[in-house]
Amino acid sequence: MLSESFQEIIDRRRSNRKFDPQVEVPNEVIQKSLERAILSPNSSNMQLWEFYWIQSEHEKAKYEALCLGQSAAKTAKQIVVFVTRKDKWASRAKWNYDRLKEGIQGTPNKLQKRGLDYYGKLMPLAYRSDVFGFFAFVRRTISFVMGFNKPFFRMGGKADQRVTVHKSCALAAQTFMLSIAAEGFESCPMEGFDEKRVKKALQLPSGAEINMIIAVGKATQEGVWGPRFRVPYEEVVFVK
């Protein structure tokens, strides 16, 4: 039997651009939704993301301007900034390696050794970069040679790495928004913002990037800009 409760959450989740100023969003709702977001699927469990919960009124006031005056930012009761941290690949690979090693008693078996090699060797190969593009060249060469006669994962340069981490972060953002809807509130994912100034406000290093900023509040009727419509199923779903 298909889940009616999940369908209700999907139907409820709309991008609301003007929130009710009289209704607060409890901190517990944001915390639980962030805890759920952390459980989202992500590439190789590298978790190259950070979530910045903007709580204080002083800090929230900054984001009206940083988000270019959008009404969603102006009326939000809570704001969360989703950030990619490709630059943390080495520490996150080590974190995974250490977690795997902790669970090994004695000599690692074949599966355990594969896991250790994955984070100890493959992740450095996949993420390491240099100003001359040497490691990107090595990745492309390996992909070409290994993929010449059989399917092989095509590793590339910084652009491919950025796509990977942004996809993972977006999955977490979607989990967060569905959780917000399940708790009876609404959200609005915003892409219109000054990334340079947002990074400065959050004191982020150059290697970090803003994936999206999500405003949260209680819906108002005028916050929904018309009915939701989508391209027909038959135009986007192809069964082979």
C-alpha atoms as a PDB file:
ATOM      1  CA  MET A   1       0.000   0.000   0.000  1.00  0.00           C
ATOM      2  CA  LEU A   2       1.364   3.415  -0.949  1.00  0.00           C
ATOM      3  CA  SER A   3       2.144   5.824   1.877  1.00  0.00           C
ATOM      4  CA  GLU A   4      -0.547   8.471   2.247  1.00  0.00           C
ATOM      5  CA  SER A   5       1.301  10.228   5.081  1.00  0.00           C
ATOM      6  CA  PHE A   6       4.381  10.850   2.947  1.00  0.00           C
ATOM      7  CA  GLN A   7       2.197  12.015   0.071  1.00  0.00           C
ATOM      8  CA  GLU A   8       0.649  14.563   2.435  1.00  0.00           C
ATOM      9  CA  ILE A   9       4.122  15.897   3.286  1.00  0.00           C
ATOM     10  CA  ILE A  10       5.040  16.169  -0.402  1.00  0.00           C
ATOM     11  CA  ASP A  11       1.769  17.928  -1.182  1.00  0.00           C
ATOM     12  CA  ARG A  12       2.195  20.287   1.755  1.00  0.00           C
ATOM     13  CA  ARG A  13       5.780  21.305   0.978  1.00  0.00           C
ATOM     14  CA  ARG A  14       5.612  24.482  -1.055  1.00  0.00           C
ATOM     15  CA  SER A  15       8.098  27.328  -1.348  1.00  0.00           C
ATOM     16  CA  ASN A  16       6.427  29.988   0.756  1.00  0.00           C
ATOM     17  CA  ARG A  17       7.797  33.490   0.255  1.00  0.00           C
ATOM     18  CA  LYS A  18       6.030  35.368   3.028  1.00  0.00           C
ATOM     19  CA  PHE A  19       5.729  34.011   6.545  1.00  0.00           C
ATOM     20  CA  ASP A  20       3.302  34.794   9.346  1.00  0.00           C
ATOM     21  CA  PRO A  21       4.965  37.339  11.677  1.00  0.00           C
ATOM     22  CA  GLN A  22       2.832  36.173  14.617  1.00  0.00           C
ATOM     23  CA  VAL A  23       3.916  32.524  14.615  1.00  0.00           C
ATOM     24  CA  GLU A  24       7.329  31.461  15.892  1.00  0.00           C
ATOM     25  CA  VAL A  25       9.144  28.333  14.761  1.00  0.00           C
ATOM     26  CA  PRO A  26      10.392  26.441  17.842  1.00  0.00           C
ATOM     27  CA  ASN A  27      14.108  25.765  17.985  1.00  0.00           C
ATOM     28  CA  GLU A  28      13.284  22.100  18.527  1.00  0.00           C
ATOM     29  CA  VAL A  29      11.811  21.920  15.020  1.00  0.00           C
ATOM     30  CA  ILE A  30      14.991  23.275  13.440  1.00  0.00           C
ATOM     31  CA  GLN A  31      17.275  21.081  15.536  1.00  0.00           C
ATOM     32  CA  LYS A  32      15.345  17.904  14.753  1.00  0.00           C
ATOM     33  CA  SER A  33      15.203  18.809  11.059  1.00  0.00           C
ATOM     34  CA  LEU A  34      18.971  19.369  11.001  1.00  0.00           C
ATOM     35  CA  GLU A  35      19.509  16.043  12.753  1.00  0.00           C
ATOM     36  CA  ARG A  36      17.423  14.425  10.021  1.00  0.00           C
ATOM     37  CA  ALA A  37      19.334  16.303   7.327  1.00  0.00           C
ATOM     38  CA  ILE A  38      22.592  14.867   8.639  1.00  0.00           C
ATOM     39  CA  LEU A  39      21.194  11.388   7.921  1.00  0.00           C
ATOM     40  CA  SER A  40      20.774  12.227   4.222  1.00  0.00           C
ATOM     41  CA  PRO A  41      22.527  10.133   1.586  1.00  0.00           C
ATOM     42  CA  ASN A  42      25.779  11.658   0.390  1.00  0.00           C
ATOM     43  CA  SER A  43      28.708  10.735  -1.808  1.00  0.00           C
ATOM     44  CA  SER A  44      30.957   8.121  -0.155  1.00  0.00           C
ATOM     45  CA  ASN A  45      29.693   9.215   3.284  1.00  0.00           C
ATOM     46  CA  MET A  46      32.219  12.048   3.092  1.00  0.00           C
ATOM     47  CA  GLN A  47      29.642  14.495   4.491  1.00  0.00           C
ATOM     48  CA  LEU A  48      31.343  17.501   2.926  1.00  0.00           C
ATOM     49  CA  TRP A  49      28.745  19.917   4.248  1.00  0.00           C
ATOM     50  CA  GLU A  50      28.069  22.303   7.108  1.00  0.00           C
ATOM     51  CA  PHE A  51      24.778  23.847   8.206  1.00  0.00           C
ATOM     52  CA  TYR A  52      24.739  27.323   9.732  1.00  0.00           C
ATOM     53  CA  TRP A  53      21.654  27.947  11.837  1.00  0.00           C
ATOM     54  CA  ILE A  54      21.022  31.694  12.037  1.00  0.00           C
ATOM     55  CA  GLN A  55      19.219  32.124  15.361  1.00  0.00           C
ATOM     56  CA  SER A  56      19.744  35.599  16.728  1.00  0.00           C
ATOM     57  CA  GLU A  57      17.600  38.505  15.568  1.00  0.00           C
ATOM     58  CA  HIS A  58      20.738  40.550  14.978  1.00  0.00           C
ATOM     59  CA  GLU A  59      22.186  37.928  12.646  1.00  0.00           C
ATOM     60  CA  LYS A  60      18.880  37.273  10.884  1.00  0.00           C
ATOM     61  CA  ALA A  61      18.545  40.976  10.111  1.00  0.00           C
ATOM     62  CA  LYS A  62      21.727  40.796   8.019  1.00  0.00           C
ATOM     63  CA  TYR A  63      20.234  38.220   5.692  1.00  0.00           C
ATOM     64  CA  GLU A  64      17.470  40.436   4.394  1.00  0.00           C
ATOM     65  CA  ALA A  65      20.132  42.454   2.593  1.00  0.00           C
ATOM     66  CA  LEU A  66      22.398  39.482   1.838  1.00  0.00           C
ATOM     67  CA  CYS A  67      19.427  37.720   0.212  1.00  0.00           C
ATOM     68  CA  LEU A  68      18.716  40.798  -1.907  1.00  0.00           C
ATOM     69  CA  GLY A  69      15.636  41.914  -0.016  1.00  0.00           C
ATOM     70  CA  GLN A  70      13.597  38.760  -0.648  1.00  0.00           C
ATOM     71  CA  SER A  71      10.406  38.653   1.389  1.00  0.00           C
ATOM     72  CA  ALA A  72      11.165  35.077   2.447  1.00  0.00           C
ATOM     73  CA  ALA A  73      14.353  36.258   4.156  1.00  0.00           C
ATOM     74  CA  LYS A  74      12.656  39.372   5.498  1.00  0.00           C
ATOM     75  CA  THR A  75       9.812  37.463   7.187  1.00  0.00           C
ATOM     76  CA  ALA A  76      11.666  34.251   8.122  1.00  0.00           C
ATOM     77  CA  LYS A  77      11.543  33.145  11.725  1.00  0.00           C
ATOM     78  CA  GLN A  78      14.509  30.839  11.225  1.00  0.00           C
ATOM     79  CA  ILE A  79      17.258  30.723   8.592  1.00  0.00           C
ATOM     80  CA  VAL A  80      19.690  27.921   7.783  1.00  0.00           C
ATOM     81  CA  VAL A  81      22.616  28.285   5.377  1.00  0.00           C
ATOM     82  CA  PHE A  82      23.711  25.076   3.639  1.00  0.00           C
ATOM     83  CA  VAL A  83      27.427  25.105   2.875  1.00  0.00           C
ATOM     84  CA  THR A  84      29.673  22.744   0.897  1.00  0.00           C
ATOM     85  CA  ARG A  85      33.112  21.981   2.332  1.00  0.00           C
ATOM     86  CA  LYS A  86      35.082  20.255  -0.410  1.00  0.00           C
ATOM     87  CA  ASP A  87      38.166  21.641   1.301  1.00  0.00           C
ATOM     88  CA  LYS A  88      37.571  19.290   4.246  1.00  0.00           C
ATOM     89  CA  TRP A  89      37.915  16.127   2.189  1.00  0.00           C
ATOM     90  CA  ALA A  90      41.139  15.003   3.921  1.00  0.00           C
ATOM     91  CA  SER A  91      39.776  15.258   7.461  1.00  0.00           C
ATOM     92  CA  ARG A  92      36.445  13.643   6.504  1.00  0.00           C
ATOM     93  CA  ALA A  93      38.234  10.785   4.711  1.00  0.00           C
ATOM     94  CA  LYS A  94      40.357  10.233   7.823  1.00  0.00           C
ATOM     95  CA  TRP A  95      37.225  10.343  10.008  1.00  0.00           C
ATOM     96  CA  ASN A  96      35.672   7.539   7.947  1.00  0.00           C
ATOM     97  CA  TYR A  97      38.936   5.590   7.907  1.00  0.00           C
ATOM     98  CA  ASP A  98      39.227   5.823  11.686  1.00  0.00           C
ATOM     99  CA  ARG A  99      35.595   4.723  12.201  1.00  0.00           C
ATOM    100  CA  LEU A 100      36.203   1.642  10.062  1.00  0.00           C
ATOM    101  CA  LYS A 101      39.490   0.835  11.776  1.00  0.00           C
ATOM    102  CA  GLU A 102      37.877   1.026  15.223  1.00  0.00           C
ATOM    103  CA  GLY A 103      35.559  -1.824  14.286  1.00  0.00           C
ATOM    104  CA  ILE A 104      38.310  -4.188  13.121  1.00  0.00           C
ATOM    105  CA  GLN A 105      39.506  -6.923  15.456  1.00  0.00           C
ATOM    106  CA  GLY A 106      42.842  -8.375  14.400  1.00  0.00           C
ATOM    107  CA  THR A 107      43.658  -8.735  10.706  1.00  0.00           C
ATOM    108  CA  PRO A 108      41.076  -7.002   8.485  1.00  0.00           C
ATOM    109  CA  ASN A 109      39.026  -9.237   6.212  1.00  0.00           C
ATOM    110  CA  LYS A 110      38.666  -8.592   2.495  1.00  0.00           C
ATOM    111  CA  LEU A 111      35.657  -6.270   2.864  1.00  0.00           C
ATOM    112  CA  GLN A 112      37.259  -4.316   5.713  1.00  0.00           C
ATOM    113  CA  LYS A 113      40.494  -3.918   3.746  1.00  0.00           C
ATOM    114  CA  ARG A 114      38.505  -2.576   0.788  1.00  0.00           C
ATOM    115  CA  GLY A 115      36.905  -0.021   3.106  1.00  0.00           C
ATOM    116  CA  LEU A 116      40.270   1.098   4.472  1.00  0.00           C
ATOM    117  CA  ASP A 117      41.718   1.365   0.974  1.00  0.00           C
ATOM    118  CA  TYR A 118      38.649   3.310  -0.145  1.00  0.00           C
ATOM    119  CA  TYR A 119      39.217   6.095   2.366  1.00  0.00           C
ATOM    120  CA  GLY A 120      42.974   5.772   2.646  1.00  0.00           C
ATOM    121  CA  LYS A 121      43.765   5.650  -1.087  1.00  0.00           C
ATOM    122  CA  LEU A 122      40.770   6.229  -3.358  1.00  0.00           C
ATOM    123  CA  MET A 123      39.370   9.345  -1.666  1.00  0.00           C
ATOM    124  CA  PRO A 124      42.759  11.127  -1.741  1.00  0.00           C
ATOM    125  CA  LEU A 125      42.994  10.235  -5.424  1.00  0.00           C
ATOM    126  CA  ALA A 126      39.473  11.523  -6.068  1.00  0.00           C
ATOM    127  CA  TYR A 127      39.776  14.822  -4.164  1.00  0.00           C
ATOM    128  CA  ARG A 128      43.427  15.906  -4.080  1.00  0.00           C
ATOM    129  CA  SER A 129      44.139  18.977  -6.223  1.00  0.00           C
ATOM    130  CA  ASP A 130      47.099  21.151  -7.149  1.00  0.00           C
ATOM    131  CA  VAL A 131      47.570  24.459  -8.934  1.00  0.00           C
ATOM    132  CA  PHE A 132      49.060  22.793 -12.010  1.00  0.00           C
ATOM    133  CA  GLY A 133      46.209  20.306 -12.506  1.00  0.00           C
ATOM    134  CA  PHE A 134      48.504  17.283 -12.217  1.00  0.00           C
ATOM    135  CA  PHE A 135      46.108  15.220 -10.101  1.00  0.00           C
ATOM    136  CA  ALA A 136      43.201  16.050 -12.409  1.00  0.00           C
ATOM    137  CA  PHE A 137      45.309  14.813 -15.327  1.00  0.00           C
ATOM    138  CA  VAL A 138      46.090  11.595 -13.436  1.00  0.00           C
ATOM    139  CA  ARG A 139      42.382  11.046 -12.692  1.00  0.00           C
ATOM    140  CA  ARG A 140      41.365  11.598 -16.306  1.00  0.00           C
ATOM    141  CA  THR A 141      44.118   9.324 -17.541  1.00  0.00           C
ATOM    142  CA  ILE A 142      43.104   6.523 -15.176  1.00  0.00           C
ATOM    143  CA  SER A 143      39.467   6.963 -16.185  1.00  0.00           C
ATOM    144  CA  PHE A 144      40.340   6.810 -19.879  1.00  0.00           C
ATOM    145  CA  VAL A 145      42.532   3.728 -19.576  1.00  0.00           C
ATOM    146  CA  MET A 146      40.312   1.789 -17.161  1.00  0.00           C
ATOM    147  CA  GLY A 147      37.142   2.797 -18.975  1.00  0.00           C
ATOM    148  CA  PHE A 148      38.351   1.992 -22.472  1.00  0.00           C
ATOM    149  CA  ASN A 149      36.804  -1.467 -22.589  1.00  0.00           C
ATOM    150  CA  LYS A 150      34.434  -1.505 -19.624  1.00  0.00           C
ATOM    151  CA  PRO A 151      32.252   0.823 -17.514  1.00  0.00           C
ATOM    152  CA  PHE A 152      34.321   2.885 -15.089  1.00  0.00           C
ATOM    153  CA  PHE A 153      33.664   5.859 -12.840  1.00  0.00           C
ATOM    154  CA  ARG A 154      34.946   8.939 -14.668  1.00  0.00           C
ATOM    155  CA  MET A 155      36.982  11.094 -12.312  1.00  0.00           C
ATOM    156  CA  GLY A 156      37.874  14.606 -13.363  1.00  0.00           C
ATOM    157  CA  GLY A 157      38.957  17.951 -11.980  1.00  0.00           C
ATOM    158  CA  LYS A 158      37.621  20.571  -9.612  1.00  0.00           C
ATOM    159  CA  ALA A 159      34.386  21.064 -11.545  1.00  0.00           C
ATOM    160  CA  ASP A 160      33.444  17.401 -11.063  1.00  0.00           C
ATOM    161  CA  GLN A 161      34.295  17.609  -7.365  1.00  0.00           C
ATOM    162  CA  ARG A 162      32.094  20.696  -6.973  1.00  0.00           C
ATOM    163  CA  VAL A 163      29.171  18.956  -8.638  1.00  0.00           C
ATOM    164  CA  THR A 164      29.552  15.986  -6.293  1.00  0.00           C
ATOM    165  CA  VAL A 165      29.584  17.991  -3.065  1.00  0.00           C
ATOM    166  CA  HIS A 166      26.744  20.292  -4.158  1.00  0.00           C
ATOM    167  CA  LYS A 167      24.560  17.292  -5.037  1.00  0.00           C
ATOM    168  CA  SER A 168      25.147  15.808  -1.589  1.00  0.00           C
ATOM    169  CA  CYS A 169      24.436  19.105   0.159  1.00  0.00           C
ATOM    170  CA  ALA A 170      21.243  19.582  -1.865  1.00  0.00           C
ATOM    171  CA  LEU A 171      20.038  16.157  -0.734  1.00  0.00           C
ATOM    172  CA  ALA A 172      20.504  17.276   2.871  1.00  0.00           C
ATOM    173  CA  ALA A 173      18.624  20.498   2.154  1.00  0.00           C
ATOM    174  CA  GLN A 174      15.701  18.549   0.700  1.00  0.00           C
ATOM    175  CA  THR A 175      15.569  16.287   3.758  1.00  0.00           C
ATOM    176  CA  PHE A 176      15.549  19.399   5.929  1.00  0.00           C
ATOM    177  CA  MET A 177      12.660  20.978   3.996  1.00  0.00           C
ATOM    178  CA  LEU A 178      10.580  17.797   4.059  1.00  0.00           C
ATOM    179  CA  SER A 179      11.158  17.588   7.810  1.00  0.00           C
ATOM    180  CA  ILE A 180      10.023  21.195   8.223  1.00  0.00           C
ATOM    181  CA  ALA A 181       6.845  20.372   6.287  1.00  0.00           C
ATOM    182  CA  ALA A 182       6.265  17.268   8.412  1.00  0.00           C
ATOM    183  CA  GLU A 183       6.451  19.443  11.540  1.00  0.00           C
ATOM    184  CA  GLY A 184       3.730  21.775  10.238  1.00  0.00           C
ATOM    185  CA  PHE A 185       5.853  24.675   8.979  1.00  0.00           C
ATOM    186  CA  GLU A 186       7.040  25.908   5.609  1.00  0.00           C
ATOM    187  CA  SER A 187      10.334  26.719   3.946  1.00  0.00           C
ATOM    188  CA  CYS A 188      11.732  28.612   0.993  1.00  0.00           C
ATOM    189  CA  PRO A 189      15.070  27.609  -0.581  1.00  0.00           C
ATOM    190  CA  MET A 190      16.792  30.759  -1.807  1.00  0.00           C
ATOM    191  CA  GLU A 191      19.459  30.963  -4.493  1.00  0.00           C
ATOM    192  CA  GLY A 192      19.313  34.729  -4.826  1.00  0.00           C
ATOM    193  CA  PHE A 193      22.016  35.942  -2.453  1.00  0.00           C
ATOM    194  CA  ASP A 194      25.428  37.599  -2.433  1.00  0.00           C
ATOM    195  CA  GLU A 195      27.652  34.560  -1.921  1.00  0.00           C
ATOM    196  CA  LYS A 196      30.791  36.591  -1.291  1.00  0.00           C
ATOM    197  CA  ARG A 197      29.180  38.578   1.513  1.00  0.00           C
ATOM    198  CA  VAL A 198      27.429  35.534   2.992  1.00  0.00           C
ATOM    199  CA  LYS A 199      30.777  33.748   3.201  1.00  0.00           C
ATOM    200  CA  LYS A 200      32.264  36.786   4.871  1.00  0.00           C
ATOM    201  CA  ALA A 201      29.391  36.988   7.352  1.00  0.00           C
ATOM    202  CA  LEU A 202      29.902  33.324   8.253  1.00  0.00           C
ATOM    203  CA  GLN A 203      33.704  33.709   8.288  1.00  0.00           C
ATOM    204  CA  LEU A 204      34.106  30.851   5.824  1.00  0.00           C
ATOM    205  CA  PRO A 205      37.385  30.010   4.073  1.00  0.00           C
ATOM    206  CA  SER A 206      37.781  30.287   0.311  1.00  0.00           C
ATOM    207  CA  GLY A 207      37.250  26.537  -0.159  1.00  0.00           C
ATOM    208  CA  ALA A 208      33.699  26.686   1.192  1.00  0.00           C
ATOM    209  CA  GLU A 209      30.723  27.459  -1.037  1.00  0.00           C
ATOM    210  CA  ILE A 210      27.122  28.365  -0.339  1.00  0.00           C
ATOM    211  CA  ASN A 211      24.743  25.709  -1.628  1.00  0.00           C
ATOM    212  CA  MET A 212      21.495  27.457  -0.669  1.00  0.00           C
ATOM    213  CA  ILE A 213      19.882  29.456   2.099  1.00  0.00           C
ATOM    214  CA  ILE A 214      16.591  28.199   3.504  1.00  0.00           C
ATOM    215  CA  ALA A 215      14.072  30.464   5.192  1.00  0.00           C
ATOM    216  CA  VAL A 216      11.572  28.863   7.579  1.00  0.00           C
ATOM    217  CA  GLY A 217       8.300  30.092   9.016  1.00  0.00           C
ATOM    218  CA  LYS A 218       4.543  29.587   9.155  1.00  0.00           C
ATOM    219  CA  ALA A 219       2.849  29.900   5.782  1.00  0.00           C
ATOM    220  CA  THR A 220       0.635  32.738   4.670  1.00  0.00           C
ATOM    221  CA  GLN A 221      -1.733  32.552   1.720  1.00  0.00           C
ATOM    222  CA  GLU A 222      -0.002  35.375  -0.105  1.00  0.00           C
ATOM    223  CA  GLY A 223       3.332  33.598   0.357  1.00  0.00           C
ATOM    224  CA  VAL A 224       2.377  30.985  -2.246  1.00  0.00           C
ATOM    225  CA  TRP A 225       2.574  32.367  -5.758  1.00  0.00           C
ATOM    226  CA  GLY A 226      -0.243  30.492  -7.426  1.00  0.00           C
ATOM    227  CA  PRO A 227      -0.986  26.802  -7.926  1.00  0.00           C
ATOM    228  CA  ARG A 228       1.818  24.311  -8.327  1.00  0.00           C
ATOM    229  CA  PHE A 229       2.135  22.867 -11.816  1.00  0.00           C
ATOM    230  CA  ARG A 230       4.718  20.601 -13.388  1.00  0.00           C
ATOM    231  CA  VAL A 231       5.683  19.346 -16.827  1.00  0.00           C
ATOM    232  CA  PRO A 232       3.607  16.185 -17.506  1.00  0.00           C
ATOM    233  CA  TYR A 233       4.899  12.866 -16.204  1.00  0.00           C
ATOM    234  CA  GLU A 234       5.149  11.499 -19.740  1.00  0.00           C
ATOM    235  CA  GLU A 235       7.575  14.247 -20.746  1.00  0.00           C
ATOM    236  CA  VAL A 236      10.107  13.618 -18.001  1.00  0.00           C
ATOM    237  CA  VAL A 237       9.817   9.901 -17.113  1.00  0.00           C
ATOM    238  CA  PHE A 238      11.102   7.333 -19.593  1.00  0.00           C
ATOM    239  CA  VAL A 239      10.769   3.610 -18.950  1.00  0.00           C
ATOM    240  CA  LYS A 240      13.347   1.416 -20.699  1.00  0.00           C
END
